[in-house]
Amino acid sequence: MELQFSINEEHINKLKQRINLKRKCQLEKTNKTIEKYALFTLKFITPFLAIFIASYMPFIKDHINLPTKITSWCIFLALYVFLWCRYGDSFTRTFSQYVINNRLTKAISNTLIDITTQLKVKKLSQLKGVHRIKVKNEYLTIIGPTHTKTNLHFKEIVRFCENDGFYEIATKHSSRLKLSYLIPTISNAMDESDYKKNINLILEKCTLLKNEKLSN
């Protein structure tokens, strides 16, 4: 049995929208990671900051007698702890927001994400044309417009689901890379009933193997 479908400009635009949406989610996730890292760093280094500041204070110099020095230390540390407990959280949050909103930080994170996004968008144009999927007993053979072949064994497939006009097929390896093979839910290259029949056959094989794994 064989599936045939054609990827056209409409499909490409829909995939571009999905990629851009993921880009926005990645930016939000990156900002949260930066904020968490900034908060952790500040909370970690701040206790040592007191010693650093105090070492430059005039009341910690060598010519001050020991009782006065100890008293001064205690007053300074008590004041430092009070101010930190009172204003520490607001200070760290304000600073972390500054780090996130900093132009350099934004430029670096945006550039890294934009590079991967542009590479994905560039590859989308290569998907235009007729695709074929041959359904064998133990595997699928995916043949692209340039006649490149990829074999997917049913036992390696961990996800087969419908999402926004496409069926997504993912293996363990592709899932780790956050990638999946896409099949349009509607074919414009073969009879619709035959197309649905073969899609259901793939789904049945994936479900059967999944149940066998669970029983073992």
N, C-alpha and C. Protein backbone atom coordinates (compact mmCIF):
# COMPACT_ATOMS: atom_id res chain seq x y z
N MET A 1 0.84 -1.20 0.00
CA MET A 1 0.00 0.00 0.00
C MET A 1 0.87 1.25 0.00
N GLU A 2 0.29 2.32 -0.51
CA GLU A 2 1.09 3.54 -0.64
C GLU A 2 0.23 4.78 -0.41
N LEU A 3 0.81 5.74 0.29
CA LEU A 3 0.19 7.05 0.48
C LEU A 3 0.85 8.03 -0.48
N GLN A 4 0.05 8.93 -1.01
CA GLN A 4 0.59 10.01 -1.83
C GLN A 4 -0.04 11.33 -1.40
N PHE A 5 0.78 12.33 -1.26
CA PHE A 5 0.26 13.66 -0.93
C PHE A 5 1.23 14.70 -1.47
N SER A 6 0.71 15.90 -1.64
CA SER A 6 1.53 17.00 -2.18
C SER A 6 1.61 18.13 -1.16
N ILE A 7 2.82 18.60 -0.91
CA ILE A 7 3.02 19.76 -0.03
C ILE A 7 3.04 21.02 -0.91
N ASN A 8 2.10 21.92 -0.64
CA ASN A 8 2.00 23.15 -1.44
C ASN A 8 2.30 24.39 -0.59
N GLU A 9 2.11 25.55 -1.19
CA GLU A 9 2.43 26.81 -0.50
C GLU A 9 1.59 27.02 0.75
N GLU A 10 0.34 26.56 0.70
CA GLU A 10 -0.54 26.69 1.87
C GLU A 10 -0.01 25.90 3.06
N HIS A 11 0.46 24.68 2.79
CA HIS A 11 1.06 23.86 3.85
C HIS A 11 2.31 24.54 4.41
N ILE A 12 3.14 25.07 3.51
CA ILE A 12 4.38 25.73 3.92
C ILE A 12 4.08 26.92 4.84
N ASN A 13 3.08 27.72 4.48
CA ASN A 13 2.72 28.89 5.30
C ASN A 13 2.22 28.47 6.67
N LYS A 14 1.45 27.39 6.71
CA LYS A 14 0.94 26.90 7.99
C LYS A 14 2.09 26.43 8.88
N LEU A 15 3.06 25.75 8.27
CA LEU A 15 4.22 25.28 9.03
C LEU A 15 5.08 26.45 9.50
N LYS A 16 5.18 27.49 8.68
CA LYS A 16 5.92 28.69 9.09
C LYS A 16 5.28 29.34 10.31
N GLN A 17 3.96 29.38 10.33
CA GLN A 17 3.24 29.94 11.47
C GLN A 17 3.53 29.14 12.73
N ARG A 18 3.57 27.83 12.59
CA ARG A 18 3.88 26.97 13.74
C ARG A 18 5.30 27.22 14.25
N ILE A 19 6.23 27.38 13.31
CA ILE A 19 7.62 27.64 13.69
C ILE A 19 7.75 28.98 14.40
N ASN A 20 7.06 30.00 13.89
CA ASN A 20 7.11 31.33 14.53
C ASN A 20 6.48 31.31 15.92
N LEU A 21 5.42 30.52 16.07
CA LEU A 21 4.78 30.39 17.39
C LEU A 21 5.73 29.72 18.37
N LYS A 22 6.42 28.68 17.89
CA LYS A 22 7.41 28.01 18.74
C LYS A 22 8.55 28.95 19.10
N ARG A 23 8.91 29.83 18.15
CA ARG A 23 9.97 30.81 18.41
C ARG A 23 9.58 31.72 19.57
N LYS A 24 8.33 32.18 19.57
CA LYS A 24 7.87 33.04 20.66
C LYS A 24 7.90 32.30 22.00
N CYS A 25 7.48 31.04 21.97
CA CYS A 25 7.51 30.23 23.20
C CYS A 25 8.94 30.03 23.69
N GLN A 26 9.87 29.83 22.74
CA GLN A 26 11.28 29.66 23.11
C GLN A 26 11.84 30.93 23.74
N LEU A 27 11.45 32.09 23.21
CA LEU A 27 11.91 33.36 23.76
C LEU A 27 11.41 33.54 25.19
N GLU A 28 10.14 33.21 25.42
CA GLU A 28 9.58 33.32 26.77
C GLU A 28 10.29 32.36 27.72
N LYS A 29 10.53 31.16 27.25
CA LYS A 29 11.23 30.16 28.07
C LYS A 29 12.65 30.61 28.38
N THR A 30 13.33 31.18 27.38
CA THR A 30 14.70 31.68 27.58
C THR A 30 14.73 32.80 28.60
N ASN A 31 13.76 33.72 28.51
CA ASN A 31 13.69 34.83 29.46
C ASN A 31 13.49 34.33 30.89
N LYS A 32 12.65 33.31 31.05
CA LYS A 32 12.41 32.74 32.38
C LYS A 32 13.68 32.08 32.92
N THR A 33 14.41 31.41 32.02
CA THR A 33 15.67 30.76 32.44
C THR A 33 16.70 31.80 32.87
N ILE A 34 16.80 32.89 32.09
CA ILE A 34 17.74 33.96 32.43
C ILE A 34 17.37 34.59 33.77
N GLU A 35 16.07 34.81 33.97
CA GLU A 35 15.61 35.40 35.23
C GLU A 35 15.93 34.50 36.41
N LYS A 36 15.67 33.19 36.24
CA LYS A 36 15.96 32.24 37.31
C LYS A 36 17.46 32.20 37.62
N TYR A 37 18.28 32.21 36.56
CA TYR A 37 19.73 32.18 36.74
C TYR A 37 20.23 33.44 37.43
N ALA A 38 19.67 34.60 37.03
CA ALA A 38 20.07 35.87 37.65
C ALA A 38 19.70 35.91 39.12
N LEU A 39 18.49 35.42 39.44
CA LEU A 39 18.05 35.38 40.84
C LEU A 39 18.94 34.47 41.67
N PHE A 40 19.24 33.29 41.12
CA PHE A 40 20.09 32.33 41.84
C PHE A 40 21.48 32.90 42.07
N THR A 41 22.04 33.53 41.03
CA THR A 41 23.38 34.10 41.15
C THR A 41 23.44 35.19 42.21
N LEU A 42 22.45 36.07 42.20
CA LEU A 42 22.42 37.16 43.19
C LEU A 42 22.29 36.62 44.60
N LYS A 43 21.40 35.65 44.79
CA LYS A 43 21.19 35.10 46.13
C LYS A 43 22.42 34.34 46.61
N PHE A 44 23.20 33.81 45.67
CA PHE A 44 24.39 33.06 46.04
C PHE A 44 25.56 33.97 46.41
N ILE A 45 25.74 35.05 45.63
CA ILE A 45 26.91 35.90 45.86
C ILE A 45 26.67 37.01 46.87
N THR A 46 25.41 37.33 47.15
CA THR A 46 25.12 38.45 48.06
C THR A 46 25.69 38.27 49.46
N PRO A 47 25.59 37.07 50.08
CA PRO A 47 26.19 36.91 51.42
C PRO A 47 27.68 37.23 51.46
N PHE A 48 28.39 36.91 50.38
CA PHE A 48 29.83 37.20 50.33
C PHE A 48 30.09 38.68 50.05
N LEU A 49 29.07 39.36 49.54
CA LEU A 49 29.21 40.77 49.23
C LEU A 49 29.40 41.59 50.50
N ALA A 50 28.79 41.14 51.59
CA ALA A 50 28.90 41.87 52.86
C ALA A 50 30.35 41.94 53.33
N ILE A 51 31.06 40.81 53.23
CA ILE A 51 32.47 40.77 53.65
C ILE A 51 33.31 41.68 52.75
N PHE A 52 33.02 41.63 51.46
CA PHE A 52 33.77 42.45 50.51
C PHE A 52 33.59 43.94 50.79
N ILE A 53 32.34 44.35 51.04
CA ILE A 53 32.05 45.76 51.33
C ILE A 53 32.68 46.18 52.65
N ALA A 54 32.53 45.31 53.65
CA ALA A 54 33.03 45.64 54.98
C ALA A 54 34.55 45.81 55.01
N SER A 55 35.25 45.06 54.16
CA SER A 55 36.71 45.14 54.16
C SER A 55 37.22 46.51 53.74
N TYR A 56 36.37 47.31 53.09
CA TYR A 56 36.76 48.65 52.67
C TYR A 56 36.20 49.74 53.58
N MET A 57 35.49 49.32 54.63
CA MET A 57 34.93 50.29 55.56
C MET A 57 36.00 50.82 56.51
N PRO A 58 35.93 52.08 56.90
CA PRO A 58 36.96 52.65 57.79
C PRO A 58 36.99 52.03 59.18
N PHE A 59 35.84 51.47 59.64
CA PHE A 59 35.83 50.91 61.00
C PHE A 59 36.39 49.50 61.08
N ILE A 60 36.85 48.95 59.95
CA ILE A 60 37.43 47.60 59.97
C ILE A 60 38.96 47.67 59.82
N LYS A 61 39.51 48.85 59.88
CA LYS A 61 40.95 49.00 59.68
C LYS A 61 41.72 48.46 60.88
N ASP A 62 43.03 48.22 60.65
CA ASP A 62 43.87 47.59 61.67
C ASP A 62 44.05 48.44 62.92
N HIS A 63 44.02 49.78 62.78
CA HIS A 63 44.33 50.61 63.94
C HIS A 63 43.16 50.68 64.94
N ILE A 64 41.98 50.16 64.58
CA ILE A 64 40.84 50.15 65.50
C ILE A 64 41.02 49.01 66.48
N ASN A 65 40.71 49.27 67.78
CA ASN A 65 40.88 48.22 68.78
C ASN A 65 39.84 47.12 68.57
N LEU A 66 40.12 45.92 69.09
CA LEU A 66 39.33 44.72 68.82
C LEU A 66 37.87 44.84 69.25
N PRO A 67 37.55 45.28 70.49
CA PRO A 67 36.14 45.39 70.90
C PRO A 67 35.33 46.31 69.99
N THR A 68 35.95 47.43 69.60
CA THR A 68 35.26 48.37 68.71
C THR A 68 35.04 47.74 67.33
N LYS A 69 36.06 47.01 66.90
CA LYS A 69 35.96 46.35 65.59
C LYS A 69 34.84 45.31 65.58
N ILE A 70 34.76 44.50 66.67
CA ILE A 70 33.71 43.47 66.75
C ILE A 70 32.33 44.10 66.80
N THR A 71 32.22 45.17 67.62
CA THR A 71 30.93 45.88 67.72
C THR A 71 30.52 46.46 66.37
N SER A 72 31.49 47.05 65.67
CA SER A 72 31.21 47.63 64.36
C SER A 72 30.77 46.56 63.36
N TRP A 73 31.46 45.43 63.42
CA TRP A 73 31.10 44.31 62.55
C TRP A 73 29.66 43.87 62.80
N CYS A 74 29.31 43.70 64.05
CA CYS A 74 27.97 43.24 64.42
C CYS A 74 26.89 44.22 63.95
N ILE A 75 27.16 45.51 64.16
CA ILE A 75 26.20 46.53 63.73
C ILE A 75 26.05 46.50 62.20
N PHE A 76 27.19 46.42 61.53
CA PHE A 76 27.16 46.41 60.07
C PHE A 76 26.41 45.20 59.53
N LEU A 77 26.72 44.01 60.08
CA LEU A 77 26.07 42.79 59.60
C LEU A 77 24.58 42.78 59.90
N ALA A 78 24.22 43.28 61.11
CA ALA A 78 22.80 43.35 61.47
C ALA A 78 22.04 44.27 60.52
N LEU A 79 22.65 45.41 60.21
CA LEU A 79 22.03 46.35 59.28
C LEU A 79 21.94 45.75 57.88
N TYR A 80 23.00 45.05 57.49
CA TYR A 80 23.04 44.43 56.16
C TYR A 80 21.95 43.36 56.03
N VAL A 81 21.83 42.51 57.08
CA VAL A 81 20.81 41.44 57.07
C VAL A 81 19.41 42.04 57.05
N PHE A 82 19.20 43.09 57.84
CA PHE A 82 17.89 43.75 57.88
C PHE A 82 17.50 44.30 56.51
N LEU A 83 18.44 45.01 55.89
CA LEU A 83 18.17 45.60 54.58
C LEU A 83 17.94 44.52 53.51
N TRP A 84 18.72 43.43 53.62
CA TRP A 84 18.57 42.35 52.65
C TRP A 84 17.21 41.65 52.79
N CYS A 85 16.82 41.39 54.05
CA CYS A 85 15.52 40.74 54.28
C CYS A 85 14.37 41.65 53.85
N ARG A 86 14.57 42.94 54.00
CA ARG A 86 13.50 43.90 53.70
C ARG A 86 13.41 44.18 52.19
N TYR A 87 14.55 44.35 51.56
CA TYR A 87 14.54 44.79 50.16
C TYR A 87 15.21 43.81 49.20
N GLY A 88 15.70 42.68 49.73
CA GLY A 88 16.46 41.75 48.88
C GLY A 88 15.68 41.20 47.70
N ASP A 89 14.45 40.73 47.96
CA ASP A 89 13.65 40.13 46.89
C ASP A 89 13.35 41.14 45.78
N SER A 90 12.92 42.34 46.18
CA SER A 90 12.60 43.35 45.16
C SER A 90 13.84 43.76 44.38
N PHE A 91 14.99 43.79 45.07
CA PHE A 91 16.24 44.15 44.39
C PHE A 91 16.63 43.10 43.36
N THR A 92 16.59 41.81 43.78
CA THR A 92 16.99 40.74 42.86
C THR A 92 16.05 40.64 41.66
N ARG A 93 14.77 40.83 41.91
CA ARG A 93 13.80 40.76 40.81
C ARG A 93 13.98 41.93 39.83
N THR A 94 14.23 43.11 40.40
CA THR A 94 14.46 44.28 39.55
C THR A 94 15.71 44.09 38.71
N PHE A 95 16.76 43.55 39.34
CA PHE A 95 18.01 43.33 38.63
C PHE A 95 17.85 42.27 37.54
N SER A 96 17.12 41.18 37.87
CA SER A 96 16.93 40.11 36.88
C SER A 96 16.12 40.62 35.69
N GLN A 97 15.12 41.48 35.95
CA GLN A 97 14.34 42.06 34.86
C GLN A 97 15.22 42.98 33.99
N TYR A 98 16.15 43.65 34.65
CA TYR A 98 17.09 44.50 33.91
C TYR A 98 17.96 43.65 32.99
N VAL A 99 18.39 42.49 33.51
CA VAL A 99 19.22 41.58 32.70
C VAL A 99 18.43 41.09 31.49
N ILE A 100 17.15 40.73 31.72
CA ILE A 100 16.31 40.23 30.63
C ILE A 100 16.08 41.31 29.58
N ASN A 101 15.81 42.54 30.06
CA ASN A 101 15.50 43.64 29.14
C ASN A 101 16.74 44.30 28.55
N ASN A 102 17.90 43.86 29.01
CA ASN A 102 19.14 44.41 28.48
C ASN A 102 19.26 44.10 26.98
N ARG A 103 19.67 45.09 26.21
CA ARG A 103 19.72 44.94 24.75
C ARG A 103 20.68 43.83 24.31
N LEU A 104 21.82 43.75 25.00
CA LEU A 104 22.81 42.73 24.63
C LEU A 104 22.26 41.34 24.89
N THR A 105 21.62 41.15 26.07
CA THR A 105 21.04 39.84 26.40
C THR A 105 19.97 39.45 25.38
N LYS A 106 19.11 40.42 25.05
CA LYS A 106 18.06 40.16 24.07
C LYS A 106 18.65 39.83 22.70
N ALA A 107 19.68 40.58 22.32
CA ALA A 107 20.29 40.37 21.01
C ALA A 107 20.88 38.97 20.89
N ILE A 108 21.56 38.52 21.96
CA ILE A 108 22.19 37.19 21.94
C ILE A 108 21.13 36.10 21.85
N SER A 109 20.13 36.15 22.75
CA SER A 109 19.09 35.11 22.77
C SER A 109 18.28 35.11 21.48
N ASN A 110 17.93 36.32 20.99
CA ASN A 110 17.15 36.41 19.75
C ASN A 110 17.94 35.88 18.55
N THR A 111 19.23 36.19 18.51
CA THR A 111 20.06 35.74 17.39
C THR A 111 20.16 34.22 17.35
N LEU A 112 20.39 33.61 18.51
CA LEU A 112 20.52 32.15 18.57
C LEU A 112 19.22 31.47 18.13
N ILE A 113 18.10 31.98 18.61
CA ILE A 113 16.81 31.39 18.26
C ILE A 113 16.46 31.67 16.80
N ASP A 114 16.79 32.88 16.33
CA ASP A 114 16.49 33.25 14.94
C ASP A 114 17.28 32.40 13.95
N ILE A 115 18.51 32.05 14.31
CA ILE A 115 19.33 31.22 13.42
C ILE A 115 18.67 29.86 13.19
N THR A 116 18.24 29.22 14.29
CA THR A 116 17.58 27.92 14.17
C THR A 116 16.25 28.04 13.44
N THR A 117 15.52 29.13 13.71
CA THR A 117 14.23 29.36 13.04
C THR A 117 14.42 29.54 11.54
N GLN A 118 15.41 30.33 11.15
CA GLN A 118 15.67 30.58 9.73
C GLN A 118 16.09 29.30 9.00
N LEU A 119 16.88 28.46 9.69
CA LEU A 119 17.29 27.19 9.08
C LEU A 119 16.08 26.29 8.83
N LYS A 120 15.16 26.27 9.80
CA LYS A 120 13.95 25.45 9.65
C LYS A 120 13.08 25.98 8.51
N VAL A 121 12.90 27.30 8.48
CA VAL A 121 12.07 27.91 7.42
C VAL A 121 12.69 27.67 6.05
N LYS A 122 14.02 27.74 5.97
CA LYS A 122 14.71 27.52 4.70
C LYS A 122 14.49 26.10 4.20
N LYS A 123 14.48 25.15 5.13
CA LYS A 123 14.29 23.75 4.75
C LYS A 123 12.86 23.46 4.29
N LEU A 124 11.91 24.30 4.74
CA LEU A 124 10.51 24.07 4.37
C LEU A 124 10.30 24.13 2.86
N SER A 125 11.03 25.03 2.20
CA SER A 125 10.86 25.17 0.75
C SER A 125 11.25 23.89 0.01
N GLN A 126 12.11 23.07 0.64
CA GLN A 126 12.53 21.82 0.02
C GLN A 126 11.45 20.74 0.09
N LEU A 127 10.40 21.00 0.88
CA LEU A 127 9.33 20.01 1.05
C LEU A 127 8.28 20.08 -0.05
N LYS A 128 8.30 21.16 -0.84
CA LYS A 128 7.28 21.32 -1.88
C LYS A 128 7.38 20.20 -2.91
N GLY A 129 6.21 19.67 -3.28
CA GLY A 129 6.17 18.61 -4.27
C GLY A 129 5.42 17.40 -3.76
N VAL A 130 5.46 16.33 -4.56
CA VAL A 130 4.73 15.10 -4.23
C VAL A 130 5.58 14.20 -3.34
N HIS A 131 4.96 13.72 -2.26
CA HIS A 131 5.59 12.78 -1.34
C HIS A 131 4.87 11.44 -1.41
N ARG A 132 5.62 10.37 -1.20
CA ARG A 132 5.01 9.04 -1.17
C ARG A 132 5.47 8.31 0.08
N ILE A 133 4.56 7.54 0.65
CA ILE A 133 4.89 6.70 1.80
C ILE A 133 4.43 5.29 1.50
N LYS A 134 5.37 4.37 1.39
CA LYS A 134 5.04 2.96 1.16
C LYS A 134 4.89 2.25 2.50
N VAL A 135 3.76 1.57 2.66
CA VAL A 135 3.46 0.88 3.92
C VAL A 135 3.84 -0.59 3.78
N LYS A 136 4.88 -0.99 4.49
CA LYS A 136 5.32 -2.38 4.51
C LYS A 136 4.84 -3.04 5.80
N ASN A 137 5.16 -4.33 5.96
CA ASN A 137 4.72 -5.04 7.16
C ASN A 137 5.39 -4.52 8.42
N GLU A 138 6.68 -4.18 8.32
CA GLU A 138 7.43 -3.80 9.52
C GLU A 138 7.90 -2.36 9.51
N TYR A 139 7.77 -1.68 8.40
CA TYR A 139 8.29 -0.31 8.35
C TYR A 139 7.59 0.51 7.27
N LEU A 140 7.83 1.83 7.35
CA LEU A 140 7.35 2.77 6.33
C LEU A 140 8.55 3.26 5.53
N THR A 141 8.37 3.43 4.25
CA THR A 141 9.41 4.05 3.42
C THR A 141 8.89 5.39 2.94
N ILE A 142 9.53 6.46 3.41
CA ILE A 142 9.12 7.82 3.04
C ILE A 142 9.99 8.29 1.89
N ILE A 143 9.35 8.67 0.79
CA ILE A 143 10.07 9.12 -0.41
C ILE A 143 9.69 10.57 -0.68
N GLY A 144 10.68 11.46 -0.63
CA GLY A 144 10.43 12.88 -0.81
C GLY A 144 10.41 13.31 -2.26
N PRO A 145 10.18 14.60 -2.52
CA PRO A 145 10.14 15.12 -3.90
C PRO A 145 11.45 14.91 -4.67
N THR A 146 12.57 14.86 -3.92
CA THR A 146 13.87 14.66 -4.57
C THR A 146 14.25 13.18 -4.62
N HIS A 147 13.27 12.31 -4.30
CA HIS A 147 13.43 10.85 -4.34
C HIS A 147 14.37 10.32 -3.25
N THR A 148 14.61 11.11 -2.22
CA THR A 148 15.37 10.60 -1.07
C THR A 148 14.46 9.69 -0.25
N LYS A 149 15.03 8.59 0.25
CA LYS A 149 14.23 7.59 0.97
C LYS A 149 14.63 7.53 2.44
N THR A 150 13.62 7.39 3.28
CA THR A 150 13.84 7.22 4.72
C THR A 150 12.96 6.08 5.20
N ASN A 151 13.56 5.10 5.88
CA ASN A 151 12.79 3.98 6.42
C ASN A 151 12.50 4.20 7.89
N LEU A 152 11.23 4.05 8.24
CA LEU A 152 10.81 4.17 9.64
C LEU A 152 10.19 2.85 10.08
N HIS A 153 10.86 2.15 10.98
CA HIS A 153 10.31 0.90 11.50
C HIS A 153 9.19 1.20 12.48
N PHE A 154 8.12 0.43 12.39
CA PHE A 154 6.97 0.67 13.26
C PHE A 154 7.35 0.57 14.74
N LYS A 155 8.28 -0.32 15.06
CA LYS A 155 8.68 -0.50 16.46
C LYS A 155 9.44 0.71 17.01
N GLU A 156 9.95 1.57 16.10
CA GLU A 156 10.67 2.77 16.53
C GLU A 156 9.75 3.97 16.71
N ILE A 157 8.52 3.88 16.20
CA ILE A 157 7.58 4.99 16.29
C ILE A 157 6.99 5.08 17.69
N VAL A 158 7.11 6.24 18.31
CA VAL A 158 6.60 6.44 19.67
C VAL A 158 5.39 7.37 19.70
N ARG A 159 5.16 8.08 18.59
CA ARG A 159 4.00 8.98 18.55
C ARG A 159 3.44 9.07 17.14
N PHE A 160 2.12 8.91 17.06
CA PHE A 160 1.40 9.09 15.80
C PHE A 160 0.08 9.78 16.15
N CYS A 161 -0.01 11.07 15.88
CA CYS A 161 -1.19 11.82 16.31
C CYS A 161 -1.51 12.93 15.30
N GLU A 162 -2.73 13.46 15.42
CA GLU A 162 -3.17 14.53 14.53
C GLU A 162 -2.99 15.87 15.23
N ASN A 163 -2.46 16.85 14.50
CA ASN A 163 -2.24 18.17 15.09
C ASN A 163 -2.28 19.25 14.00
N ASP A 164 -3.32 20.08 14.05
CA ASP A 164 -3.41 21.26 13.19
C ASP A 164 -3.24 20.95 11.70
N GLY A 165 -4.04 20.00 11.22
CA GLY A 165 -4.03 19.70 9.79
C GLY A 165 -2.97 18.72 9.33
N PHE A 166 -2.20 18.17 10.27
CA PHE A 166 -1.15 17.21 9.93
C PHE A 166 -1.19 16.03 10.89
N TYR A 167 -0.78 14.87 10.39
CA TYR A 167 -0.46 13.75 11.26
C TYR A 167 1.03 13.84 11.58
N GLU A 168 1.36 13.70 12.84
CA GLU A 168 2.76 13.76 13.26
C GLU A 168 3.25 12.36 13.61
N ILE A 169 4.36 11.98 13.01
CA ILE A 169 5.01 10.70 13.32
C ILE A 169 6.37 11.00 13.92
N ALA A 170 6.61 10.45 15.10
CA ALA A 170 7.90 10.70 15.77
C ALA A 170 8.49 9.40 16.28
N THR A 171 9.80 9.29 16.15
CA THR A 171 10.54 8.17 16.73
C THR A 171 11.22 8.65 18.01
N LYS A 172 11.86 7.73 18.72
CA LYS A 172 12.58 8.12 19.94
C LYS A 172 13.66 9.15 19.61
N HIS A 173 14.37 8.88 18.52
CA HIS A 173 15.46 9.78 18.13
C HIS A 173 14.94 11.15 17.73
N SER A 174 13.91 11.20 16.89
CA SER A 174 13.38 12.50 16.45
C SER A 174 12.73 13.26 17.60
N SER A 175 12.14 12.54 18.56
CA SER A 175 11.53 13.20 19.73
C SER A 175 12.57 13.92 20.56
N ARG A 176 13.75 13.29 20.70
CA ARG A 176 14.83 13.93 21.46
C ARG A 176 15.27 15.22 20.78
N LEU A 177 15.19 15.25 19.46
CA LEU A 177 15.57 16.44 18.70
C LEU A 177 14.38 17.39 18.51
N LYS A 178 13.23 17.02 19.08
CA LYS A 178 11.99 17.80 18.96
C LYS A 178 11.58 17.95 17.49
N LEU A 179 11.71 16.84 16.76
CA LEU A 179 11.33 16.81 15.35
C LEU A 179 10.30 15.71 15.12
N SER A 180 9.58 15.82 14.02
CA SER A 180 8.62 14.79 13.66
C SER A 180 8.39 14.81 12.16
N TYR A 181 7.92 13.68 11.63
CA TYR A 181 7.55 13.59 10.23
C TYR A 181 6.09 13.99 10.11
N LEU A 182 5.77 14.81 9.10
CA LEU A 182 4.42 15.35 8.96
C LEU A 182 3.74 14.79 7.71
N ILE A 183 2.46 14.42 7.90
CA ILE A 183 1.62 13.95 6.79
C ILE A 183 0.33 14.76 6.82
N PRO A 184 -0.04 15.43 5.74
CA PRO A 184 -1.30 16.19 5.73
C PRO A 184 -2.49 15.27 6.00
N THR A 185 -3.48 15.76 6.72
CA THR A 185 -4.67 14.96 7.01
C THR A 185 -5.52 14.74 5.76
N ILE A 186 -5.39 15.63 4.80
CA ILE A 186 -6.13 15.52 3.54
C ILE A 186 -5.14 15.47 2.37
N SER A 187 -5.30 14.47 1.53
CA SER A 187 -4.40 14.34 0.37
C SER A 187 -5.01 15.02 -0.85
N ASN A 188 -4.15 15.66 -1.63
CA ASN A 188 -4.59 16.24 -2.90
C ASN A 188 -3.93 15.52 -4.07
N ALA A 189 -3.45 14.28 -3.78
CA ALA A 189 -2.74 13.53 -4.82
C ALA A 189 -3.29 12.12 -5.02
N MET A 190 -4.32 11.72 -4.23
CA MET A 190 -4.91 10.39 -4.39
C MET A 190 -6.33 10.39 -3.84
N ASP A 191 -7.03 9.30 -4.08
CA ASP A 191 -8.41 9.19 -3.62
C ASP A 191 -8.48 9.31 -2.10
N GLU A 192 -9.42 10.12 -1.62
CA GLU A 192 -9.48 10.44 -0.19
C GLU A 192 -9.79 9.21 0.66
N SER A 193 -10.68 8.34 0.19
CA SER A 193 -11.04 7.15 0.98
C SER A 193 -9.85 6.19 1.09
N ASP A 194 -9.10 6.02 0.00
CA ASP A 194 -7.90 5.17 0.05
C ASP A 194 -6.85 5.78 0.97
N TYR A 195 -6.75 7.09 0.92
CA TYR A 195 -5.78 7.80 1.76
C TYR A 195 -6.09 7.55 3.24
N LYS A 196 -7.35 7.73 3.62
CA LYS A 196 -7.77 7.53 5.01
C LYS A 196 -7.57 6.07 5.43
N LYS A 197 -7.85 5.16 4.51
CA LYS A 197 -7.70 3.74 4.80
C LYS A 197 -6.25 3.40 5.14
N ASN A 198 -5.32 3.93 4.36
CA ASN A 198 -3.91 3.65 4.59
C ASN A 198 -3.39 4.35 5.86
N ILE A 199 -3.93 5.54 6.13
CA ILE A 199 -3.57 6.23 7.38
C ILE A 199 -4.00 5.39 8.57
N ASN A 200 -5.22 4.85 8.51
CA ASN A 200 -5.73 4.01 9.60
C ASN A 200 -4.90 2.74 9.74
N LEU A 201 -4.41 2.21 8.63
CA LEU A 201 -3.56 1.02 8.67
C LEU A 201 -2.27 1.31 9.43
N ILE A 202 -1.66 2.46 9.14
CA ILE A 202 -0.44 2.86 9.86
C ILE A 202 -0.73 3.01 11.35
N LEU A 203 -1.84 3.65 11.67
CA LEU A 203 -2.22 3.86 13.06
C LEU A 203 -2.44 2.53 13.78
N GLU A 204 -3.09 1.58 13.10
CA GLU A 204 -3.34 0.26 13.69
C GLU A 204 -2.03 -0.47 13.98
N LYS A 205 -1.09 -0.40 13.03
CA LYS A 205 0.20 -1.07 13.22
C LYS A 205 0.96 -0.46 14.40
N CYS A 206 0.92 0.88 14.50
CA CYS A 206 1.60 1.56 15.61
C CYS A 206 0.96 1.18 16.95
N THR A 207 -0.37 1.14 16.98
CA THR A 207 -1.10 0.80 18.21
C THR A 207 -0.84 -0.64 18.61
N LEU A 208 -0.84 -1.55 17.62
CA LEU A 208 -0.61 -2.97 17.88
C LEU A 208 0.76 -3.19 18.49
N LEU A 209 1.79 -2.58 17.91
CA LEU A 209 3.15 -2.74 18.43
C LEU A 209 3.30 -2.11 19.81
N LYS A 210 2.60 -1.00 20.04
CA LYS A 210 2.64 -0.35 21.35
C LYS A 210 2.04 -1.26 22.41
N ASN A 211 0.92 -1.91 22.08
CA ASN A 211 0.27 -2.82 23.02
C ASN A 211 1.15 -4.04 23.30
N GLU A 212 1.86 -4.52 22.26
CA GLU A 212 2.77 -5.65 22.44
C GLU A 212 3.90 -5.30 23.39
N LYS A 213 4.42 -4.07 23.26
CA LYS A 213 5.49 -3.62 24.15
C LYS A 213 5.01 -3.55 25.59
N LEU A 214 3.77 -3.05 25.78
CA LEU A 214 3.22 -2.93 27.13
C LEU A 214 2.98 -4.30 27.76
N SER A 215 2.54 -5.26 26.95
CA SER A 215 2.28 -6.61 27.47
C SER A 215 3.55 -7.34 27.84
N ASN A 216 4.66 -7.00 27.13
CA ASN A 216 5.95 -7.62 27.45
C ASN A 216 6.59 -6.96 28.65
